[in-house]
Amino acid sequence: MKRNRAALAAVLAANAILASCSRHSAEQKTLVIFHHGSPTPAIEATEKAFTAKYPDIKVLREKDDALANMRKVTDLGKNADIVYTDDYSIIPPVMFPKYADFWIRYAHDEMTIAYADNSKYAKEMNGDNWYDILARKDVKWGIADPNAGPDGYFSLGQIMLSNIFYKDDKIFDNLVTANTAITVKREGERYVVDCPENLNPKSSKVLIRPDPETLYPMILAGDLDYAFGYMGSVIGEGPAGIRTVKLPAQVNLSDMSLVSSTYNRVSINLFSDKPERRIGITLGAKANGLTIPLNAQNKEAAANYLKIFLGPIGQNTLKGVHITPLDPAETNDLGKVPESLRALLKAAQ
């Protein structure tokens, strides 16, 4: 009897070890990615190449706004192996030092205005008069929620920079302050935009949506005339028939050489549920970023995936949706990036 009990105990122990190993193996074979919209084509192309090379690893992706993706890690305790954001500069205030300790800046984009042939005054629209057309009483335009992610606050920054470039102090007031609860104050040569919890559009002229990609089909349907967004988002995520306005570099946030002299003159305060988590953004160039969180379960798989994403496959696909890859990509700390990725990166200036 004792011998049978001992044998049974040994079998149960062995099964427990096998089950534990099985669970561990399953965890090692899943790569979890949180990402936003505009780099989706490059992420999909990378995933295809990655799964062909590593068929035993399953890729799971969740698509959401940048801040929402980061809050899944910091607030909800979710595990992610890679987190993408359309603004690399918000990784430190949201995720450092507890949830991440490095960022990778991998591409530049530019701001634009989306429209279609059926938009009011479409034949007149250009990079010199867009703000006058949007201010017309019969024109409806849309913007992403600045409190939800970079698409919205970069759009506000674009409008604010227009005051400076076009030498017209009324542009932001006419378009934003007059139609929402968003306010701005001038401090010398700087502008500080404040976004309250309730953005409170004051008329049907302005539509604010959490997800910018929902605005583009509304233009084709005639429910909206124009919408602010990234070129990569409009081209990569927008439906066929959407057009874009080419804006000056002093407005479209595409030129790294204008960061200190121009873009940095605008700051945007975002609402947060807690005062200590309120985020203040000083505008820089529109640059995409990513990180591997400290709680990532599969850092080796994440690094192998990013070797493909930061290489020719990812870069060429980004170019196809009008996102300009950095070659090489840049990081704030080479010593904290996985060693296998360091040859693809350089230290950011």
Protein backbone atom coordinates (compact mmCIF):
# COMPACT_ATOMS: atom_id res chain seq x y z
CA MET A 1 0.00 0.00 0.00
CA LYS A 2 2.80 2.39 0.97
CA ARG A 3 4.59 1.52 -2.26
CA ASN A 4 1.42 2.35 -4.30
CA ARG A 5 1.01 5.66 -2.49
CA ALA A 6 4.61 6.57 -3.16
CA ALA A 7 4.22 5.68 -6.84
CA LEU A 8 1.02 7.75 -7.06
CA ALA A 9 2.72 10.72 -5.41
CA ALA A 10 5.60 10.47 -7.86
CA VAL A 11 3.19 10.40 -10.82
CA LEU A 12 1.28 13.42 -9.49
CA ALA A 13 4.52 15.33 -8.92
CA ALA A 14 5.70 14.54 -12.42
CA ASN A 15 2.36 15.66 -13.87
CA ALA A 16 2.57 18.91 -11.93
CA ILE A 17 6.05 19.57 -13.28
CA LEU A 18 4.93 18.79 -16.82
CA ALA A 19 1.90 21.06 -16.45
CA SER A 20 4.11 23.85 -15.14
CA CYS A 21 6.52 23.40 -18.03
CA SER A 22 3.59 23.34 -20.45
CA ARG A 23 2.22 26.60 -19.08
CA HIS A 24 5.67 28.17 -19.24
CA SER A 25 6.12 26.94 -22.79
CA ALA A 26 2.73 28.40 -23.79
CA GLU A 27 3.70 31.74 -22.33
CA GLN A 28 6.98 31.69 -24.24
CA LYS A 29 5.10 31.07 -27.48
CA THR A 30 2.92 34.16 -27.34
CA LEU A 31 4.02 37.66 -28.38
CA VAL A 32 1.63 40.40 -27.21
CA ILE A 33 1.67 43.75 -29.03
CA PHE A 34 -0.32 46.89 -28.18
CA HIS A 35 -0.33 49.37 -31.08
CA HIS A 36 -2.12 52.35 -32.60
CA GLY A 37 -3.43 52.78 -36.12
CA SER A 38 -0.98 54.43 -38.49
CA PRO A 39 1.87 51.85 -38.44
CA THR A 40 -0.58 48.94 -38.78
CA PRO A 41 0.47 48.02 -42.35
CA ALA A 42 4.13 47.77 -41.27
CA ILE A 43 3.17 45.83 -38.14
CA GLU A 44 1.16 43.38 -40.25
CA ALA A 45 4.00 42.94 -42.74
CA THR A 46 6.42 42.34 -39.88
CA GLU A 47 4.07 39.84 -38.27
CA LYS A 48 3.84 37.86 -41.51
CA ALA A 49 7.64 37.66 -41.80
CA PHE A 50 8.04 36.93 -38.08
CA THR A 51 5.54 34.04 -38.01
CA ALA A 52 7.17 32.55 -41.10
CA LYS A 53 10.51 32.55 -39.29
CA TYR A 54 9.14 31.64 -35.85
CA PRO A 55 6.04 29.50 -36.54
CA ASP A 56 5.86 28.29 -32.93
CA ILE A 57 5.19 31.82 -31.62
CA LYS A 58 1.67 33.21 -31.80
CA VAL A 59 1.34 36.98 -32.22
CA LEU A 60 -1.54 38.65 -30.39
CA ARG A 61 -2.25 42.30 -31.21
CA GLU A 62 -4.51 44.89 -29.58
CA LYS A 63 -5.15 48.15 -31.43
CA ASP A 64 -6.09 51.25 -29.45
CA ASP A 65 -5.09 54.87 -28.83
CA ALA A 66 -1.56 55.40 -27.53
CA LEU A 67 -2.46 56.49 -24.01
CA ALA A 68 -5.05 53.72 -23.69
CA ASN A 69 -2.44 51.15 -24.68
CA MET A 70 0.03 52.38 -22.08
CA ARG A 71 -2.64 52.56 -19.38
CA LYS A 72 -3.45 48.89 -20.01
CA VAL A 73 0.04 48.16 -18.68
CA THR A 74 0.28 50.80 -15.95
CA ASP A 75 -3.31 50.73 -14.66
CA LEU A 76 -4.85 47.41 -15.63
CA GLY A 77 -1.77 45.26 -15.02
CA LYS A 78 -1.84 43.72 -18.49
CA ASN A 79 1.32 42.16 -19.87
CA ALA A 80 2.56 43.40 -23.23
CA ASP A 81 5.80 42.55 -25.00
CA ILE A 82 5.80 45.66 -27.23
CA VAL A 83 3.87 48.91 -26.85
CA TYR A 84 3.73 51.33 -29.79
CA THR A 85 2.86 55.02 -29.56
CA ASP A 86 2.44 57.78 -32.12
CA ASP A 87 4.49 60.07 -29.87
CA TYR A 88 7.63 58.59 -28.35
CA SER A 89 7.91 61.50 -25.87
CA ILE A 90 4.93 60.38 -23.77
CA ILE A 91 6.53 57.04 -22.88
CA PRO A 92 8.66 58.53 -20.05
CA PRO A 93 5.91 60.53 -18.25
CA VAL A 94 3.44 57.63 -18.46
CA MET A 95 5.63 54.51 -18.11
CA PHE A 96 9.01 55.47 -16.59
CA PRO A 97 10.49 54.23 -14.29
CA LYS A 98 8.17 51.50 -13.03
CA TYR A 99 6.87 50.06 -16.30
CA ALA A 100 9.56 50.88 -18.89
CA ASP A 101 13.09 52.27 -18.98
CA PHE A 102 13.81 52.98 -22.65
CA TRP A 103 12.13 54.18 -25.82
CA ILE A 104 12.90 53.66 -29.48
CA ARG A 105 12.06 56.45 -31.93
CA TYR A 106 11.66 54.75 -35.27
CA ALA A 107 9.88 57.09 -37.71
CA HIS A 108 8.66 60.61 -38.48
CA ASP A 109 5.24 61.54 -39.75
CA GLU A 110 3.57 64.83 -40.57
CA MET A 111 0.27 66.47 -39.78
CA THR A 112 -2.28 67.07 -42.51
CA ILE A 113 -5.95 67.83 -43.09
CA ALA A 114 -8.11 65.17 -44.69
CA TYR A 115 -10.93 65.97 -47.09
CA ALA A 116 -12.70 64.63 -50.18
CA ASP A 117 -14.00 65.97 -53.48
CA ASN A 118 -17.44 66.40 -51.90
CA SER A 119 -16.11 68.55 -49.03
CA LYS A 120 -17.33 72.14 -49.07
CA TYR A 121 -14.87 74.43 -50.87
CA ALA A 122 -12.66 71.45 -51.74
CA LYS A 123 -11.46 73.12 -54.95
CA GLU A 124 -10.28 76.15 -52.99
CA MET A 125 -8.52 74.25 -50.18
CA ASN A 126 -4.74 74.55 -49.90
CA GLY A 127 -1.87 74.99 -47.44
CA ASP A 128 -2.28 78.76 -47.32
CA ASN A 129 -6.01 79.21 -46.74
CA TRP A 130 -7.18 76.07 -44.90
CA TYR A 131 -7.83 77.90 -41.62
CA ASP A 132 -10.07 80.46 -43.34
CA ILE A 133 -12.09 77.69 -45.00
CA LEU A 134 -12.51 75.74 -41.73
CA ALA A 135 -13.76 78.94 -40.05
CA ARG A 136 -16.61 79.37 -42.54
CA LYS A 137 -20.02 78.91 -40.92
CA ASP A 138 -21.22 76.11 -43.18
CA VAL A 139 -18.06 73.98 -42.84
CA LYS A 140 -17.89 71.07 -40.38
CA TRP A 141 -14.56 69.68 -39.25
CA GLY A 142 -13.35 67.00 -36.86
CA ILE A 143 -10.48 66.30 -34.52
CA ALA A 144 -9.41 63.38 -32.34
CA ASP A 145 -9.77 63.73 -28.57
CA PRO A 146 -6.50 65.28 -27.34
CA ASN A 147 -6.95 63.63 -23.93
CA ALA A 148 -7.04 60.21 -25.60
CA GLY A 149 -3.77 60.37 -27.47
CA PRO A 150 -1.25 62.18 -29.66
CA ASP A 151 -3.43 62.47 -32.77
CA GLY A 152 -5.65 64.96 -30.97
CA TYR A 153 -3.03 66.99 -29.17
CA PHE A 154 -0.74 67.16 -32.20
CA SER A 155 -3.72 68.52 -34.15
CA LEU A 156 -4.22 71.24 -31.54
CA GLY A 157 -0.50 71.97 -31.75
CA GLN A 158 -0.75 72.25 -35.51
CA ILE A 159 -3.51 74.86 -35.19
CA MET A 160 -1.60 76.76 -32.51
CA LEU A 161 1.57 76.83 -34.61
CA SER A 162 -0.49 78.36 -37.40
CA ASN A 163 -0.95 81.49 -35.31
CA ILE A 164 2.83 81.86 -35.34
CA PHE A 165 3.55 80.92 -38.95
CA TYR A 166 0.70 82.80 -40.63
CA LYS A 167 1.12 85.74 -38.21
CA ASP A 168 -2.57 85.64 -37.29
CA ASP A 169 -3.41 85.58 -33.57
CA LYS A 170 -7.06 84.71 -34.25
CA ILE A 171 -6.67 81.31 -35.92
CA PHE A 172 -6.73 79.18 -32.75
CA ASP A 173 -9.48 81.27 -31.16
CA ASN A 174 -11.67 81.16 -34.27
CA LEU A 175 -11.33 77.41 -34.76
CA VAL A 176 -10.88 75.95 -31.27
CA THR A 177 -11.66 78.33 -28.41
CA ALA A 178 -14.85 79.59 -30.04
CA ASN A 179 -16.16 76.07 -30.55
CA THR A 180 -14.93 74.04 -27.54
CA ALA A 181 -13.95 74.35 -23.87
CA ILE A 182 -10.25 74.14 -24.83
CA THR A 183 -8.40 77.32 -23.89
CA VAL A 184 -5.00 78.87 -24.54
CA LYS A 185 -2.86 81.45 -22.80
CA ARG A 186 0.23 83.20 -24.06
CA GLU A 187 3.34 83.40 -21.90
CA GLY A 188 5.81 85.65 -23.67
CA GLU A 189 6.74 83.85 -26.88
CA ARG A 190 5.14 80.60 -25.72
CA TYR A 191 1.58 79.27 -25.89
CA VAL A 192 0.01 76.91 -23.36
CA VAL A 193 -3.12 75.01 -24.45
CA ASP A 194 -5.31 73.53 -21.72
CA CYS A 195 -7.61 70.54 -22.35
CA PRO A 196 -10.26 70.03 -19.63
CA GLU A 197 -12.01 66.74 -18.95
CA ASN A 198 -15.12 67.89 -20.81
CA LEU A 199 -14.02 69.35 -24.13
CA ASN A 200 -17.63 70.43 -24.66
CA PRO A 201 -18.02 71.24 -28.35
CA LYS A 202 -20.26 74.30 -28.40
CA SER A 203 -21.79 73.69 -31.83
CA SER A 204 -22.29 71.03 -34.47
CA LYS A 205 -19.48 72.68 -36.43
CA VAL A 206 -16.79 70.69 -34.58
CA LEU A 207 -16.83 66.94 -33.95
CA ILE A 208 -14.45 65.35 -31.42
CA ARG A 209 -13.98 61.58 -31.53
CA PRO A 210 -11.64 59.29 -29.52
CA ASP A 211 -10.52 57.42 -32.63
CA PRO A 212 -9.37 59.60 -35.55
CA GLU A 213 -9.89 56.80 -38.07
CA THR A 214 -13.67 57.09 -37.56
CA LEU A 215 -13.61 60.64 -38.94
CA TYR A 216 -12.41 59.83 -42.45
CA PRO A 217 -15.40 57.74 -43.61
CA MET A 218 -17.67 60.54 -42.36
CA ILE A 219 -16.03 62.87 -44.86
CA LEU A 220 -16.87 60.58 -47.77
CA ALA A 221 -20.41 60.23 -46.43
CA GLY A 222 -20.85 64.01 -46.38
CA ASP A 223 -21.34 64.21 -42.60
CA LEU A 224 -18.05 66.06 -42.20
CA ASP A 225 -16.01 68.26 -44.53
CA TYR A 226 -12.51 68.10 -43.06
CA ALA A 227 -10.56 66.30 -40.32
CA PHE A 228 -7.12 66.73 -38.78
CA GLY A 229 -4.77 63.75 -38.68
CA TYR A 230 -1.35 62.27 -39.45
CA MET A 231 -0.42 61.62 -43.03
CA GLY A 232 0.30 58.00 -42.06
CA SER A 233 -3.09 57.65 -40.42
CA VAL A 234 -5.01 59.21 -43.31
CA ILE A 235 -3.12 57.28 -46.01
CA GLY A 236 -2.71 54.04 -44.06
CA GLU A 237 -6.10 53.86 -42.35
CA GLY A 238 -8.34 56.14 -44.39
CA PRO A 239 -10.68 54.88 -47.13
CA ALA A 240 -10.07 55.36 -50.84
CA GLY A 241 -11.07 58.80 -52.01
CA ILE A 242 -9.63 60.74 -49.09
CA ARG A 243 -7.31 63.59 -50.03
CA THR A 244 -4.76 65.47 -47.93
CA VAL A 245 -3.54 69.06 -47.66
CA LYS A 246 0.21 69.63 -47.82
CA LEU A 247 1.08 72.01 -44.99
CA PRO A 248 4.25 74.05 -44.37
CA ALA A 249 6.92 72.37 -42.23
CA GLN A 250 6.50 75.15 -39.63
CA VAL A 251 2.96 73.83 -39.07
CA ASN A 252 3.02 70.10 -39.90
CA LEU A 253 5.54 69.03 -37.20
CA SER A 254 7.71 67.10 -39.66
CA ASP A 255 11.04 68.94 -39.37
CA MET A 256 13.44 68.05 -36.56
CA SER A 257 15.42 71.26 -37.19
CA LEU A 258 12.39 73.34 -36.16
CA VAL A 259 11.87 71.70 -32.77
CA SER A 260 13.73 74.18 -30.56
CA SER A 261 12.96 77.31 -32.55
CA THR A 262 9.31 76.72 -33.38
CA TYR A 263 7.54 73.57 -32.19
CA ASN A 264 8.74 73.91 -28.58
CA ARG A 265 6.91 77.23 -28.31
CA VAL A 266 3.66 75.29 -27.82
CA SER A 267 2.76 73.19 -24.77
CA ILE A 268 -0.45 71.25 -24.19
CA ASN A 269 -1.85 70.22 -20.81
CA LEU A 270 -3.91 67.01 -20.97
CA PHE A 271 -6.61 66.08 -18.49
CA SER A 272 -5.94 63.16 -16.18
CA ASP A 273 -8.14 61.44 -13.62
CA LYS A 274 -5.55 62.22 -10.93
CA PRO A 275 -3.65 65.50 -10.46
CA GLU A 276 -0.33 63.71 -10.05
CA ARG A 277 -0.83 62.01 -13.43
CA ARG A 278 -1.63 65.16 -15.38
CA ILE A 279 0.54 65.26 -18.48
CA GLY A 280 2.07 68.39 -19.95
CA ILE A 281 3.35 67.99 -23.52
CA THR A 282 5.90 70.32 -25.07
CA LEU A 283 5.54 69.92 -28.80
CA GLY A 284 8.33 68.36 -30.77
CA ALA A 285 8.47 66.79 -34.21
CA LYS A 286 5.83 64.17 -34.91
CA ALA A 287 7.79 60.99 -34.21
CA ASN A 288 6.56 57.45 -33.61
CA GLY A 289 8.02 55.33 -30.84
CA LEU A 290 7.81 52.04 -29.00
CA THR A 291 9.09 50.28 -25.92
CA ILE A 292 9.40 46.80 -24.45
CA PRO A 293 7.77 47.07 -21.01
CA LEU A 294 9.63 45.85 -17.97
CA ASN A 295 6.87 43.29 -17.33
CA ALA A 296 7.15 41.81 -20.84
CA GLN A 297 6.90 38.02 -20.71
CA ASN A 298 8.74 37.37 -23.96
CA LYS A 299 11.52 39.92 -24.37
CA GLU A 300 13.56 37.69 -26.67
CA ALA A 301 10.62 37.24 -29.04
CA ALA A 302 9.95 40.99 -28.87
CA ALA A 303 13.54 41.73 -29.85
CA ASN A 304 13.40 39.23 -32.74
CA TYR A 305 10.17 40.82 -33.96
CA LEU A 306 11.64 44.33 -33.77
CA LYS A 307 14.71 43.27 -35.74
CA ILE A 308 12.31 42.68 -38.63
CA PHE A 309 10.21 45.78 -37.96
CA LEU A 310 13.26 48.08 -37.80
CA GLY A 311 14.76 46.42 -40.88
CA PRO A 312 13.89 46.69 -44.60
CA ILE A 313 10.48 44.98 -44.31
CA GLY A 314 9.13 47.38 -41.71
CA GLN A 315 10.85 50.44 -43.18
CA ASN A 316 9.64 49.87 -46.74
CA THR A 317 6.07 49.30 -45.59
CA LEU A 318 6.14 52.50 -43.51
CA LYS A 319 7.25 54.44 -46.57
CA GLY A 320 4.27 53.03 -48.44
CA VAL A 321 1.87 54.82 -46.07
CA HIS A 322 3.83 58.09 -46.08
CA ILE A 323 5.61 57.50 -42.76
CA THR A 324 9.34 58.25 -42.94
CA PRO A 325 11.46 55.66 -41.09
CA LEU A 326 14.58 56.71 -39.23
CA ASP A 327 17.62 54.79 -40.42
CA PRO A 328 18.94 53.95 -37.98
CA ALA A 329 16.22 54.28 -35.37
CA GLU A 330 17.13 56.10 -32.17
CA THR A 331 16.94 55.33 -28.47
CA ASN A 332 17.41 57.22 -25.24
CA ASP A 333 19.53 54.45 -23.68
CA LEU A 334 21.45 51.87 -25.72
CA GLY A 335 22.47 50.08 -22.53
CA LYS A 336 18.86 49.21 -21.67
CA VAL A 337 17.79 48.06 -25.11
CA PRO A 338 18.06 44.29 -25.78
CA GLU A 339 21.58 43.57 -26.96
CA SER A 340 20.41 41.99 -30.21
CA LEU A 341 18.80 45.29 -31.26
CA ARG A 342 21.69 47.64 -30.56
CA ALA A 343 23.28 47.29 -33.99
CA LEU A 344 20.06 48.69 -35.50
CA LEU A 345 19.98 51.77 -33.26
CA LYS A 346 21.91 54.87 -32.38
CA ALA A 347 21.80 57.07 -29.30
CA ALA A 348 19.32 59.93 -29.68
CA GLN A 349 20.72 63.46 -29.62
